[in-house]
Amino acid sequence: PSGQLSLMDSDENEQGLPPVPKKLHAKNRIKLVQRLKEVAPNSVVLFQGGHLINHYNTDTVYQFRQESYFLWLFGVREPGFFGLVEVNTGSSLLFIPRLPEEYATWMGPIPTPDDVTEKYGVTETYYVDQIDEILAKRKPENVLLLKGLNTDSGLEINPAEFPNRHGFSVNSAILYPIISECRVIKSPEEIELISNACAISCSAHKKVMQSISKCQFEYQVESLFMHTCYFTGGSRTTAYTNNCSSGCNCSILHYGDAGAPNSKEIFAGDMCLFDMGASHSGYASDITISFPVTGKFTSNQKIVYEAVLCARNAVINSAKPGVSWVDMHVLANKVMLQKLTEAGLLVGEVDAMIEAGLSGILQPHGLGHLLGIDVHDVGGYLPNTPPRPKQSYLKNLRTARILEEGIVLTVEPGCYFINALLDKAFADQNLSKFLNKSKIDEFRGFGGVRIEDVVVITNTGCAVLSPLPRSVEEIEQFMEQQIMD
């Protein structure tokens, strides 16, 4: 899209990749330095980029993905780099591996430090084996290293390792919460890149919808989506494992892994739930569509779909700065449960259902998550933000933040008929009293519905970055038109 190039400093390079948005990463470094000046002046920040990972003990490597914090700061695409930022001056340095001569034979020309300085718009570039020398010359009071816990994965990021680490005053406590908070509020340039990834994904999702009658198996849907993203949008990878579920598989929340590799045959009576998002220019998208294979909703499909759609619409109409994400989750649950009650699947008061935890039976996951360079982006739970709620129906929320302008997140309510959870609910008197068993049993094997959009919080509300046919009428009209074409 033409809008993307406005962020860049040069035309596309000879490999056809979008150029590195040097101005964006420079702004990110300035943002970090401004925060750090208040708490750690006279310091430098040292980061370690990602490295190649082999397939076990073979000489085949996984496709490289840059470490996310390093990408946010420097935009570097290659492995083996280190980066340094001076807090007082804002100067930025990259350290590149000193590659052997034979590298040029197998991998192409070896970049010089000057090449790297120009490509990434940093102040200077040196070799990795010069880190100690450069640090000694600059004599920082502290070397700040990145160490902290990702609250989505439960995994820690390891601080940079360099030879003379013990020769400097090192602090690994200050940096993580500050840089993570910096990543939460997206700049206009970042929002444009995310919008671009969403546009690529939406085009591919529409292609899937118009071609579903030609897809006999779920993996053909996955193939078509990935091909469309790459062929028409230049998106080489998706942001996460593709979930191309149909029929009963739609109730498997993380379907599509190695044990269930999108392999089921698609049948005419199935609902489809396709959760796929392109990654482009380092930024993710995360979009889910649900629709009937035939292009026409049955009465039961319409009941579930519209319950989820009403929940989605309620959140999009209510989300704005100052609103609690916890309240948005509860709102979505209440709207969905009310619609299911009106359809005869549930009985009783919706507020009582919420307090009893019934919403967690039908929608075990949270309403959505922060999105950016990572599909589950950092910043969900940080110091000085609301803690993870303890209630059973809220414990899976990936954040409890108060919304602010510039936050990008997903809105993804869902309704699933998961046998293990339904059996648990029917065995619990506190839950079973809300369930119309004969009606619920009609939906065993139905699977589920999820509608997932990417939104950005604006100064007055929120804007959807993933425009797709969403209402029953829009979906049926779109698919009828495409089938006729």
Foldseek 3Di string as FASTA:
>chain_A
DVVLCVQDDDCQDPVRAGAQSQVQLLVLLVQLLVVVCVPFALEKEKAAKAAWDAPPPDPHTDDDDIDQLCCSNFVDDDHDKMKMAHSVPRAIEIAHAPDDPCCCVPPNDDDDFVNSCVRRVGDTYHHLLCVVVVCVVSVGQEYEWEWDAFLVVRDIDDTDDHDVVVVHHYDHPPRHLSSQVSVQFADPSQVVLQLLQLVLQLVQVLVCLLCLVVDFFQVVSVVSSQCSSCVVPVQNDWQDAKDWDKFQQLQVPPACDPVHNRGDTHDQAIKIWTWTTTAGSLFHFTWIDIAGSNLADDPVRQLQQVLQVVLLVVLQVPAAFQAWLLVSQLSSLLSSLVSCVVVPFWDDDSVLCVQLQVSCLFFVATQKAFTGSHRRGGDQDHPPADDQDDRNNRNRHSHGGGDDARGKMKGKDKTFLDPVSVVVQCVDPSRVNTGPVVVSVVCNRNNMDMGMFIWGHHNGGIDTSNDDQRHSVSSSVSNVVSNVD
